[in-house]
């Protein structure tokens, strides 16, 4: 694995990291909210066995990626296409985790000819009509971003520099609200260490990326899931306390070409203990 930067056509940088086989089948990995290039499935050997080159991209304002004021959900596909061109990747798959799911769908809508399939894992749906469709904490943040975005931007700009000093405490407090399935996953030493590094890196330059994602996903997507022709594989835990399972069921019904996998006793972080199944379905 290695860290790298790509210079986009408008002069911005995109941070990314490779995992798995250097010349394997390309799969782009879109992190959740917040997140960074450090967010990845923990079993790197599994990626190598599956002959996969996993490329974790940082959205603008996160990690090493240059901030992009005023960005929208539908600006992201061009960034991804630019990265693919620099890396000489013609066709690829995408895994979108949680808040990264809508960004995967934006790519599927914009450039279906370049994608073999996308996997949505614990993905957020379109909550613009009712931001409180998610859990209370996230719902309050999305509601504030929809009706008073300046408030979210201001609060996170003040908090961002301080958050990096309290990463362990933030994670501990977060764990208190999660179901048993998620606590078991996130208390694994390898995953806990990775998540702490990921959270720290995501806000290394401030919390602009975090604030922008919340604001962007509180608004309509600008396209209909019904128009997406790329095969969609959806994985969601039935014990997910962050993005309700009903949101996943509604998405499954919406896509014209979707395979849904609802996981018994699975929480929000199923990507970390169902990597093998997700990759297998994505590569078929």
C-alpha atoms as a PDB file:
ATOM      1  CA  UNK A   1       0.000   0.000   0.000  1.00  0.00           C
ATOM      2  CA  UNK A   2       1.180   3.547  -0.608  1.00  0.00           C
ATOM      3  CA  UNK A   3      -0.017   7.136  -0.431  1.00  0.00           C
ATOM      4  CA  UNK A   4      -0.181   9.272  -3.538  1.00  0.00           C
ATOM      5  CA  UNK A   5      -1.546  12.480  -4.991  1.00  0.00           C
ATOM      6  CA  UNK A   6      -3.049  13.099  -8.396  1.00  0.00           C
ATOM      7  CA  UNK A   7      -3.242  16.576  -9.908  1.00  0.00           C
ATOM      8  CA  UNK A   8      -6.652  17.162 -11.478  1.00  0.00           C
ATOM      9  CA  UNK A   9      -7.270  19.261 -14.582  1.00  0.00           C
ATOM     10  CA  UNK A  10      -8.382  22.252 -12.484  1.00  0.00           C
ATOM     11  CA  UNK A  11      -5.206  22.155 -10.387  1.00  0.00           C
ATOM     12  CA  UNK A  12      -6.665  20.494  -7.294  1.00  0.00           C
ATOM     13  CA  UNK A  13      -5.051  17.453  -5.670  1.00  0.00           C
ATOM     14  CA  UNK A  14      -6.829  14.190  -4.911  1.00  0.00           C
ATOM     15  CA  UNK A  15      -5.327  11.960  -2.234  1.00  0.00           C
ATOM     16  CA  UNK A  16      -5.533   8.198  -2.629  1.00  0.00           C
ATOM     17  CA  UNK A  17      -3.994   4.938  -1.517  1.00  0.00           C
ATOM     18  CA  UNK A  18      -3.532   1.526  -3.148  1.00  0.00           C
ATOM     19  CA  UNK A  19      -4.296  -1.778  -1.410  1.00  0.00           C
ATOM     20  CA  UNK A  20      -4.061  -5.311  -2.759  1.00  0.00           C
ATOM     21  CA  UNK A  21      -2.589  -6.271  -6.151  1.00  0.00           C
ATOM     22  CA  UNK A  22      -0.798  -3.398  -7.968  1.00  0.00           C
ATOM     23  CA  UNK A  23      -2.027  -4.674 -11.346  1.00  0.00           C
ATOM     24  CA  UNK A  24      -5.219  -6.373 -10.199  1.00  0.00           C
ATOM     25  CA  UNK A  25      -8.809  -5.664 -11.180  1.00  0.00           C
ATOM     26  CA  UNK A  26      -9.418  -1.987 -10.327  1.00  0.00           C
ATOM     27  CA  UNK A  27     -11.986  -1.163  -7.658  1.00  0.00           C
ATOM     28  CA  UNK A  28     -12.456   2.374  -6.358  1.00  0.00           C
ATOM     29  CA  UNK A  29     -13.439   2.642  -2.695  1.00  0.00           C
ATOM     30  CA  UNK A  30     -15.454   5.672  -1.526  1.00  0.00           C
ATOM     31  CA  UNK A  31     -15.220   6.304   2.216  1.00  0.00           C
ATOM     32  CA  UNK A  32     -18.066   7.285   4.517  1.00  0.00           C
ATOM     33  CA  UNK A  33     -18.579  10.532   6.454  1.00  0.00           C
ATOM     34  CA  UNK A  34     -16.049  11.456   7.644  1.00  0.00           C
ATOM     35  CA  UNK A  35     -13.294   9.374   6.088  1.00  0.00           C
ATOM     36  CA  UNK A  36      -9.983   9.252   4.302  1.00  0.00           C
ATOM     37  CA  UNK A  37      -7.772   7.052   2.138  1.00  0.00           C
ATOM     38  CA  UNK A  38      -7.044   5.025   5.302  1.00  0.00           C
ATOM     39  CA  UNK A  39     -10.607   3.622   5.345  1.00  0.00           C
ATOM     40  CA  UNK A  40     -10.418   0.158   3.788  1.00  0.00           C
ATOM     41  CA  UNK A  41     -11.357  -3.504   4.290  1.00  0.00           C
ATOM     42  CA  UNK A  42      -8.928  -4.859   6.906  1.00  0.00           C
ATOM     43  CA  UNK A  43      -7.926  -8.096   5.163  1.00  0.00           C
ATOM     44  CA  UNK A  44      -5.351  -6.977   2.585  1.00  0.00           C
ATOM     45  CA  UNK A  45      -4.403 -10.597   1.800  1.00  0.00           C
ATOM     46  CA  UNK A  46      -8.004 -11.182   0.749  1.00  0.00           C
ATOM     47  CA  UNK A  47      -7.673  -8.390  -1.804  1.00  0.00           C
ATOM     48  CA  UNK A  48      -4.520  -9.987  -3.159  1.00  0.00           C
ATOM     49  CA  UNK A  49      -6.140 -13.424  -3.351  1.00  0.00           C
ATOM     50  CA  UNK A  50      -9.078 -11.940  -5.254  1.00  0.00           C
ATOM     51  CA  UNK A  51      -6.633 -10.171  -7.624  1.00  0.00           C
ATOM     52  CA  UNK A  52      -8.053  -6.756  -6.733  1.00  0.00           C
ATOM     53  CA  UNK A  53      -6.368  -3.368  -6.865  1.00  0.00           C
ATOM     54  CA  UNK A  54      -8.336  -1.317  -4.354  1.00  0.00           C
ATOM     55  CA  UNK A  55      -7.957   2.447  -4.754  1.00  0.00           C
ATOM     56  CA  UNK A  56      -9.288   4.485  -1.842  1.00  0.00           C
ATOM     57  CA  UNK A  57     -10.046   8.063  -2.890  1.00  0.00           C
ATOM     58  CA  UNK A  58     -10.409  11.090  -0.632  1.00  0.00           C
ATOM     59  CA  UNK A  59     -13.172  13.518  -1.543  1.00  0.00           C
ATOM     60  CA  UNK A  60     -12.320  17.251  -1.574  1.00  0.00           C
ATOM     61  CA  UNK A  61     -11.556  18.654   1.860  1.00  0.00           C
ATOM     62  CA  UNK A  62     -10.563  15.299   3.369  1.00  0.00           C
ATOM     63  CA  UNK A  63      -7.022  14.110   4.077  1.00  0.00           C
ATOM     64  CA  UNK A  64      -4.663  15.131   1.287  1.00  0.00           C
ATOM     65  CA  UNK A  65      -7.392  16.270  -1.110  1.00  0.00           C
ATOM     66  CA  UNK A  66      -7.724  19.963  -1.875  1.00  0.00           C
ATOM     67  CA  UNK A  67     -10.883  21.616  -0.655  1.00  0.00           C
ATOM     68  CA  UNK A  68     -13.464  22.504  -3.313  1.00  0.00           C
ATOM     69  CA  UNK A  69     -15.876  25.204  -2.082  1.00  0.00           C
ATOM     70  CA  UNK A  70     -19.362  24.894  -3.494  1.00  0.00           C
ATOM     71  CA  UNK A  71     -18.904  21.345  -4.774  1.00  0.00           C
ATOM     72  CA  UNK A  72     -21.939  19.183  -5.520  1.00  0.00           C
ATOM     73  CA  UNK A  73     -22.642  15.477  -5.602  1.00  0.00           C
ATOM     74  CA  UNK A  74     -22.411  15.493  -9.392  1.00  0.00           C
ATOM     75  CA  UNK A  75     -18.976  17.140  -9.475  1.00  0.00           C
ATOM     76  CA  UNK A  76     -17.421  13.965  -8.080  1.00  0.00           C
ATOM     77  CA  UNK A  77     -17.723  11.710 -11.169  1.00  0.00           C
ATOM     78  CA  UNK A  78     -15.413  13.981 -13.167  1.00  0.00           C
ATOM     79  CA  UNK A  79     -12.790  13.798 -10.410  1.00  0.00           C
ATOM     80  CA  UNK A  80     -13.012  10.001 -10.458  1.00  0.00           C
ATOM     81  CA  UNK A  81     -12.752   9.926 -14.242  1.00  0.00           C
ATOM     82  CA  UNK A  82      -9.664  12.164 -14.098  1.00  0.00           C
ATOM     83  CA  UNK A  83      -8.047   9.809 -11.573  1.00  0.00           C
ATOM     84  CA  UNK A  84      -8.890   6.791 -13.733  1.00  0.00           C
ATOM     85  CA  UNK A  85      -7.302   8.463 -16.747  1.00  0.00           C
ATOM     86  CA  UNK A  86      -4.080   9.274 -14.878  1.00  0.00           C
ATOM     87  CA  UNK A  87      -3.911   5.697 -13.566  1.00  0.00           C
ATOM     88  CA  UNK A  88      -4.668   4.331 -17.063  1.00  0.00           C
ATOM     89  CA  UNK A  89      -7.828   2.560 -15.902  1.00  0.00           C
ATOM     90  CA  UNK A  90     -10.501   2.142 -18.560  1.00  0.00           C
ATOM     91  CA  UNK A  91     -13.151   0.130 -16.717  1.00  0.00           C
ATOM     92  CA  UNK A  92     -13.632  -0.338 -12.992  1.00  0.00           C
ATOM     93  CA  UNK A  93     -15.990  -1.190 -10.150  1.00  0.00           C
ATOM     94  CA  UNK A  94     -16.876   0.947  -7.142  1.00  0.00           C
ATOM     95  CA  UNK A  95     -17.617   0.246  -3.484  1.00  0.00           C
ATOM     96  CA  UNK A  96     -19.465   3.081  -1.745  1.00  0.00           C
ATOM     97  CA  UNK A  97     -19.688   2.934   2.037  1.00  0.00           C
ATOM     98  CA  UNK A  98     -22.414   4.729   4.012  1.00  0.00           C
ATOM     99  CA  UNK A  99     -22.245   8.397   2.905  1.00  0.00           C
ATOM    100  CA  UNK A 100     -19.991   7.318   0.036  1.00  0.00           C
ATOM    101  CA  UNK A 101     -22.878   5.363  -1.496  1.00  0.00           C
ATOM    102  CA  UNK A 102     -24.595   8.344  -3.194  1.00  0.00           C
ATOM    103  CA  UNK A 103     -21.228   9.328  -4.700  1.00  0.00           C
ATOM    104  CA  UNK A 104     -20.943   5.834  -6.215  1.00  0.00           C
ATOM    105  CA  UNK A 105     -24.427   6.234  -7.658  1.00  0.00           C
ATOM    106  CA  UNK A 106     -23.514   9.631  -9.115  1.00  0.00           C
ATOM    107  CA  UNK A 107     -20.652   7.934 -10.988  1.00  0.00           C
ATOM    108  CA  UNK A 108     -22.960   5.160 -12.208  1.00  0.00           C
ATOM    109  CA  UNK A 109     -25.381   7.768 -13.516  1.00  0.00           C
ATOM    110  CA  UNK A 110     -22.724   9.938 -15.172  1.00  0.00           C
ATOM    111  CA  UNK A 111     -20.434   7.293 -16.726  1.00  0.00           C
ATOM    112  CA  UNK A 112     -22.239   3.930 -16.899  1.00  0.00           C
ATOM    113  CA  UNK A 113     -20.027   2.766 -19.772  1.00  0.00           C
ATOM    114  CA  UNK A 114     -16.937   2.907 -17.537  1.00  0.00           C
ATOM    115  CA  UNK A 115     -18.356   0.848 -14.653  1.00  0.00           C
ATOM    116  CA  UNK A 116     -18.720  -2.916 -14.407  1.00  0.00           C
ATOM    117  CA  UNK A 117     -20.781  -2.744 -11.186  1.00  0.00           C
ATOM    118  CA  UNK A 118     -21.132  -0.849  -7.926  1.00  0.00           C
ATOM    119  CA  UNK A 119     -21.538  -2.162  -4.392  1.00  0.00           C
ATOM    120  CA  UNK A 120     -23.457  -0.026  -1.920  1.00  0.00           C
ATOM    121  CA  UNK A 121     -22.634  -1.040   1.646  1.00  0.00           C
ATOM    122  CA  UNK A 122     -24.701   0.433   4.503  1.00  0.00           C
ATOM    123  CA  UNK A 123     -25.473   3.194   2.031  1.00  0.00           C
ATOM    124  CA  UNK A 124     -27.368   6.368   2.677  1.00  0.00           C
ATOM    125  CA  UNK A 125     -30.394   6.924   0.452  1.00  0.00           C
ATOM    126  CA  UNK A 126     -31.900  10.183  -0.752  1.00  0.00           C
ATOM    127  CA  UNK A 127     -32.929  11.909   2.493  1.00  0.00           C
ATOM    128  CA  UNK A 128     -33.609  15.341   1.008  1.00  0.00           C
ATOM    129  CA  UNK A 129     -37.333  14.944   1.599  1.00  0.00           C
ATOM    130  CA  UNK A 130     -36.863  14.006   5.250  1.00  0.00           C
ATOM    131  CA  UNK A 131     -33.354  14.388   6.727  1.00  0.00           C
ATOM    132  CA  UNK A 132     -34.547  12.726   9.959  1.00  0.00           C
ATOM    133  CA  UNK A 133     -34.911   9.382   8.174  1.00  0.00           C
ATOM    134  CA  UNK A 134     -31.501   8.422   9.624  1.00  0.00           C
ATOM    135  CA  UNK A 135     -30.582   8.186  13.313  1.00  0.00           C
ATOM    136  CA  UNK A 136     -31.175  11.172  15.584  1.00  0.00           C
ATOM    137  CA  UNK A 137     -27.628  12.545  15.647  1.00  0.00           C
ATOM    138  CA  UNK A 138     -27.105  12.312  11.895  1.00  0.00           C
ATOM    139  CA  UNK A 139     -30.651  13.487  11.238  1.00  0.00           C
ATOM    140  CA  UNK A 140     -30.113  16.668  13.244  1.00  0.00           C
ATOM    141  CA  UNK A 141     -26.894  17.357  11.328  1.00  0.00           C
ATOM    142  CA  UNK A 142     -28.546  16.792   7.935  1.00  0.00           C
ATOM    143  CA  UNK A 143     -31.569  18.898   8.918  1.00  0.00           C
ATOM    144  CA  UNK A 144     -29.346  21.772  10.013  1.00  0.00           C
ATOM    145  CA  UNK A 145     -27.343  21.484   6.783  1.00  0.00           C
ATOM    146  CA  UNK A 146     -30.496  21.588   4.688  1.00  0.00           C
ATOM    147  CA  UNK A 147     -32.090  24.609   6.332  1.00  0.00           C
ATOM    148  CA  UNK A 148     -29.100  26.466   7.813  1.00  0.00           C
ATOM    149  CA  UNK A 149     -25.908  25.236   6.091  1.00  0.00           C
ATOM    150  CA  UNK A 150     -23.923  28.184   7.448  1.00  0.00           C
ATOM    151  CA  UNK A 151     -24.536  26.824  10.945  1.00  0.00           C
ATOM    152  CA  UNK A 152     -22.983  23.426  10.168  1.00  0.00           C
ATOM    153  CA  UNK A 153     -20.064  24.963   8.297  1.00  0.00           C
ATOM    154  CA  UNK A 154     -19.383  27.385  11.123  1.00  0.00           C
ATOM    155  CA  UNK A 155     -19.618  24.789  13.884  1.00  0.00           C
ATOM    156  CA  UNK A 156     -17.362  22.295  12.152  1.00  0.00           C
ATOM    157  CA  UNK A 157     -14.823  24.938  11.135  1.00  0.00           C
ATOM    158  CA  UNK A 158     -14.448  25.795  14.812  1.00  0.00           C
ATOM    159  CA  UNK A 159     -14.446  22.188  15.997  1.00  0.00           C
ATOM    160  CA  UNK A 160     -12.266  20.712  13.258  1.00  0.00           C
ATOM    161  CA  UNK A 161      -8.843  21.628  14.687  1.00  0.00           C
ATOM    162  CA  UNK A 162      -9.877  20.382  18.125  1.00  0.00           C
ATOM    163  CA  UNK A 163     -11.338  17.053  17.013  1.00  0.00           C
ATOM    164  CA  UNK A 164      -7.916  15.609  16.162  1.00  0.00           C
ATOM    165  CA  UNK A 165      -6.933  15.824  19.836  1.00  0.00           C
ATOM    166  CA  UNK A 166      -9.930  13.777  20.975  1.00  0.00           C
ATOM    167  CA  UNK A 167     -10.069  10.999  18.416  1.00  0.00           C
ATOM    168  CA  UNK A 168     -10.074   8.154  20.946  1.00  0.00           C
ATOM    169  CA  UNK A 169     -12.731   9.838  23.060  1.00  0.00           C
ATOM    170  CA  UNK A 170     -14.883  10.490  19.985  1.00  0.00           C
ATOM    171  CA  UNK A 171     -14.667   6.837  18.987  1.00  0.00           C
ATOM    172  CA  UNK A 172     -15.481   5.667  22.533  1.00  0.00           C
ATOM    173  CA  UNK A 173     -18.518   7.925  22.700  1.00  0.00           C
ATOM    174  CA  UNK A 174     -19.631   6.791  19.247  1.00  0.00           C
ATOM    175  CA  UNK A 175     -19.427   3.139  20.296  1.00  0.00           C
ATOM    176  CA  UNK A 176     -21.918   3.715  23.119  1.00  0.00           C
ATOM    177  CA  UNK A 177     -24.746   4.291  20.650  1.00  0.00           C
ATOM    178  CA  UNK A 178     -24.021   1.272  18.450  1.00  0.00           C
ATOM    179  CA  UNK A 179     -25.572  -2.205  18.512  1.00  0.00           C
ATOM    180  CA  UNK A 180     -23.639  -5.231  19.703  1.00  0.00           C
ATOM    181  CA  UNK A 181     -22.726  -6.270  16.148  1.00  0.00           C
ATOM    182  CA  UNK A 182     -20.921  -2.983  15.496  1.00  0.00           C
ATOM    183  CA  UNK A 183     -19.235  -2.898  18.901  1.00  0.00           C
ATOM    184  CA  UNK A 184     -17.754  -6.346  18.225  1.00  0.00           C
ATOM    185  CA  UNK A 185     -16.402  -5.199  14.867  1.00  0.00           C
ATOM    186  CA  UNK A 186     -15.000  -1.829  15.953  1.00  0.00           C
ATOM    187  CA  UNK A 187     -13.416  -3.243  19.115  1.00  0.00           C
ATOM    188  CA  UNK A 188     -11.185  -5.520  17.071  1.00  0.00           C
ATOM    189  CA  UNK A 189      -7.652  -4.110  17.557  1.00  0.00           C
ATOM    190  CA  UNK A 190      -6.866  -3.937  13.823  1.00  0.00           C
ATOM    191  CA  UNK A 191     -10.114  -2.191  12.924  1.00  0.00           C
ATOM    192  CA  UNK A 192     -10.042   0.121  15.927  1.00  0.00           C
ATOM    193  CA  UNK A 193      -6.515   1.222  15.044  1.00  0.00           C
ATOM    194  CA  UNK A 194      -7.470   1.779  11.411  1.00  0.00           C
ATOM    195  CA  UNK A 195     -10.602   3.759  12.313  1.00  0.00           C
ATOM    196  CA  UNK A 196      -8.677   6.036  14.683  1.00  0.00           C
ATOM    197  CA  UNK A 197      -6.058   6.727  12.011  1.00  0.00           C
ATOM    198  CA  UNK A 198      -8.823   7.285   9.461  1.00  0.00           C
ATOM    199  CA  UNK A 199     -10.691   9.786  11.623  1.00  0.00           C
ATOM    200  CA  UNK A 200      -7.506  11.703  12.432  1.00  0.00           C
ATOM    201  CA  UNK A 201      -6.486  11.860   8.777  1.00  0.00           C
ATOM    202  CA  UNK A 202      -9.941  12.876   7.576  1.00  0.00           C
ATOM    203  CA  UNK A 203      -9.746  16.166   9.490  1.00  0.00           C
ATOM    204  CA  UNK A 204      -6.024  16.871   9.161  1.00  0.00           C
ATOM    205  CA  UNK A 205      -6.746  20.079   7.236  1.00  0.00           C
ATOM    206  CA  UNK A 206      -9.970  20.951   9.025  1.00  0.00           C
ATOM    207  CA  UNK A 207     -13.539  19.713   8.735  1.00  0.00           C
ATOM    208  CA  UNK A 208     -14.574  21.327   5.441  1.00  0.00           C
ATOM    209  CA  UNK A 209     -14.965  17.985   3.690  1.00  0.00           C
ATOM    210  CA  UNK A 210     -17.151  16.719   6.508  1.00  0.00           C
ATOM    211  CA  UNK A 211     -19.342  19.842   6.457  1.00  0.00           C
ATOM    212  CA  UNK A 212     -19.672  19.788   2.661  1.00  0.00           C
ATOM    213  CA  UNK A 213     -20.713  16.137   2.591  1.00  0.00           C
ATOM    214  CA  UNK A 214     -23.433  16.740   5.172  1.00  0.00           C
ATOM    215  CA  UNK A 215     -24.724  19.733   3.231  1.00  0.00           C
ATOM    216  CA  UNK A 216     -24.549  17.978  -0.156  1.00  0.00           C
ATOM    217  CA  UNK A 217     -26.370  14.842   0.987  1.00  0.00           C
ATOM    218  CA  UNK A 218     -29.134  16.847   2.659  1.00  0.00           C
ATOM    219  CA  UNK A 219     -30.124  18.070  -0.825  1.00  0.00           C
ATOM    220  CA  UNK A 220     -31.720  16.217  -3.801  1.00  0.00           C
ATOM    221  CA  UNK A 221     -29.222  14.134  -5.760  1.00  0.00           C
ATOM    222  CA  UNK A 222     -29.977  15.657  -9.153  1.00  0.00           C
ATOM    223  CA  UNK A 223     -30.717  12.288 -10.776  1.00  0.00           C
ATOM    224  CA  UNK A 224     -33.098   9.388 -10.263  1.00  0.00           C
ATOM    225  CA  UNK A 225     -31.890   5.946  -9.162  1.00  0.00           C
ATOM    226  CA  UNK A 226     -34.406   4.557 -11.665  1.00  0.00           C
ATOM    227  CA  UNK A 227     -32.146   5.816 -14.463  1.00  0.00           C
ATOM    228  CA  UNK A 228     -29.100   3.832 -13.319  1.00  0.00           C
ATOM    229  CA  UNK A 229     -28.349   0.902 -15.628  1.00  0.00           C
ATOM    230  CA  UNK A 230     -25.122  -0.294 -14.000  1.00  0.00           C
ATOM    231  CA  UNK A 231     -25.562  -3.470 -11.889  1.00  0.00           C
ATOM    232  CA  UNK A 232     -26.035  -2.475  -8.251  1.00  0.00           C
ATOM    233  CA  UNK A 233     -25.141  -4.800  -5.377  1.00  0.00           C
ATOM    234  CA  UNK A 234     -26.578  -3.622  -2.087  1.00  0.00           C
ATOM    235  CA  UNK A 235     -25.417  -4.885   1.312  1.00  0.00           C
ATOM    236  CA  UNK A 236     -27.064  -3.718   4.514  1.00  0.00           C
ATOM    237  CA  UNK A 237     -27.190  -4.935   8.106  1.00  0.00           C
ATOM    238  CA  UNK A 238     -30.598  -5.522   9.670  1.00  0.00           C
ATOM    239  CA  UNK A 239     -29.262  -4.108  12.961  1.00  0.00           C
ATOM    240  CA  UNK A 240     -27.916  -0.909  11.385  1.00  0.00           C
ATOM    241  CA  UNK A 241     -28.716   1.903  13.838  1.00  0.00           C
ATOM    242  CA  UNK A 242     -27.279   4.700  11.662  1.00  0.00           C
ATOM    243  CA  UNK A 243     -28.919   4.109   8.273  1.00  0.00           C
ATOM    244  CA  UNK A 244     -32.197   2.237   8.845  1.00  0.00           C
ATOM    245  CA  UNK A 245     -32.647  -1.054   6.933  1.00  0.00           C
ATOM    246  CA  UNK A 246     -35.894   0.271   5.442  1.00  0.00           C
ATOM    247  CA  UNK A 247     -33.826   2.759   3.456  1.00  0.00           C
ATOM    248  CA  UNK A 248     -31.971  -0.163   1.878  1.00  0.00           C
ATOM    249  CA  UNK A 249     -35.221  -1.993   1.103  1.00  0.00           C
ATOM    250  CA  UNK A 250     -36.554   1.114  -0.618  1.00  0.00           C
ATOM    251  CA  UNK A 251     -33.373   1.443  -2.687  1.00  0.00           C
ATOM    252  CA  UNK A 252     -33.511  -2.214  -3.746  1.00  0.00           C
ATOM    253  CA  UNK A 253     -37.008  -1.655  -5.150  1.00  0.00           C
ATOM    254  CA  UNK A 254     -35.900   1.477  -6.979  1.00  0.00           C
ATOM    255  CA  UNK A 255     -32.997   0.203  -9.071  1.00  0.00           C
ATOM    256  CA  UNK A 256     -33.825  -1.634 -12.301  1.00  0.00           C
ATOM    257  CA  UNK A 257     -30.848  -3.979 -11.833  1.00  0.00           C
ATOM    258  CA  UNK A 258     -30.129  -4.641  -8.163  1.00  0.00           C
ATOM    259  CA  UNK A 259     -29.098  -7.596  -6.000  1.00  0.00           C
ATOM    260  CA  UNK A 260     -29.993  -6.965  -2.368  1.00  0.00           C
ATOM    261  CA  UNK A 261     -28.294  -8.637   0.598  1.00  0.00           C
ATOM    262  CA  UNK A 262     -29.836  -7.908   3.996  1.00  0.00           C
ATOM    263  CA  UNK A 263     -27.531  -9.273   6.702  1.00  0.00           C
ATOM    264  CA  UNK A 264     -28.963 -10.829   9.867  1.00  0.00           C
ATOM    265  CA  UNK A 265     -27.245  -9.532  13.030  1.00  0.00           C
ATOM    266  CA  UNK A 266     -25.291  -7.068  10.899  1.00  0.00           C
ATOM    267  CA  UNK A 267     -24.727  -3.457  11.928  1.00  0.00           C
ATOM    268  CA  UNK A 268     -23.558  -0.411  10.023  1.00  0.00           C
ATOM    269  CA  UNK A 269     -19.970  -1.630   9.682  1.00  0.00           C
ATOM    270  CA  UNK A 270     -20.613  -4.896   7.848  1.00  0.00           C
ATOM    271  CA  UNK A 271     -17.985  -3.984   5.237  1.00  0.00           C
ATOM    272  CA  UNK A 272     -15.301  -4.973   7.740  1.00  0.00           C
ATOM    273  CA  UNK A 273     -16.537  -8.517   8.398  1.00  0.00           C
ATOM    274  CA  UNK A 274     -18.256  -9.309   5.089  1.00  0.00           C
ATOM    275  CA  UNK A 275     -15.473  -8.208   2.761  1.00  0.00           C
ATOM    276  CA  UNK A 276     -15.098 -11.589   1.092  1.00  0.00           C
ATOM    277  CA  UNK A 277     -18.763 -11.885   0.154  1.00  0.00           C
ATOM    278  CA  UNK A 278     -18.975  -8.283  -1.042  1.00  0.00           C
ATOM    279  CA  UNK A 279     -15.891  -8.637  -3.260  1.00  0.00           C
ATOM    280  CA  UNK A 280     -17.079 -11.976  -4.644  1.00  0.00           C
ATOM    281  CA  UNK A 281     -20.439 -10.543  -5.668  1.00  0.00           C
ATOM    282  CA  UNK A 282     -18.782  -7.443  -7.147  1.00  0.00           C
ATOM    283  CA  UNK A 283     -16.413  -9.494  -9.297  1.00  0.00           C
ATOM    284  CA  UNK A 284     -19.006 -11.901 -10.685  1.00  0.00           C
END
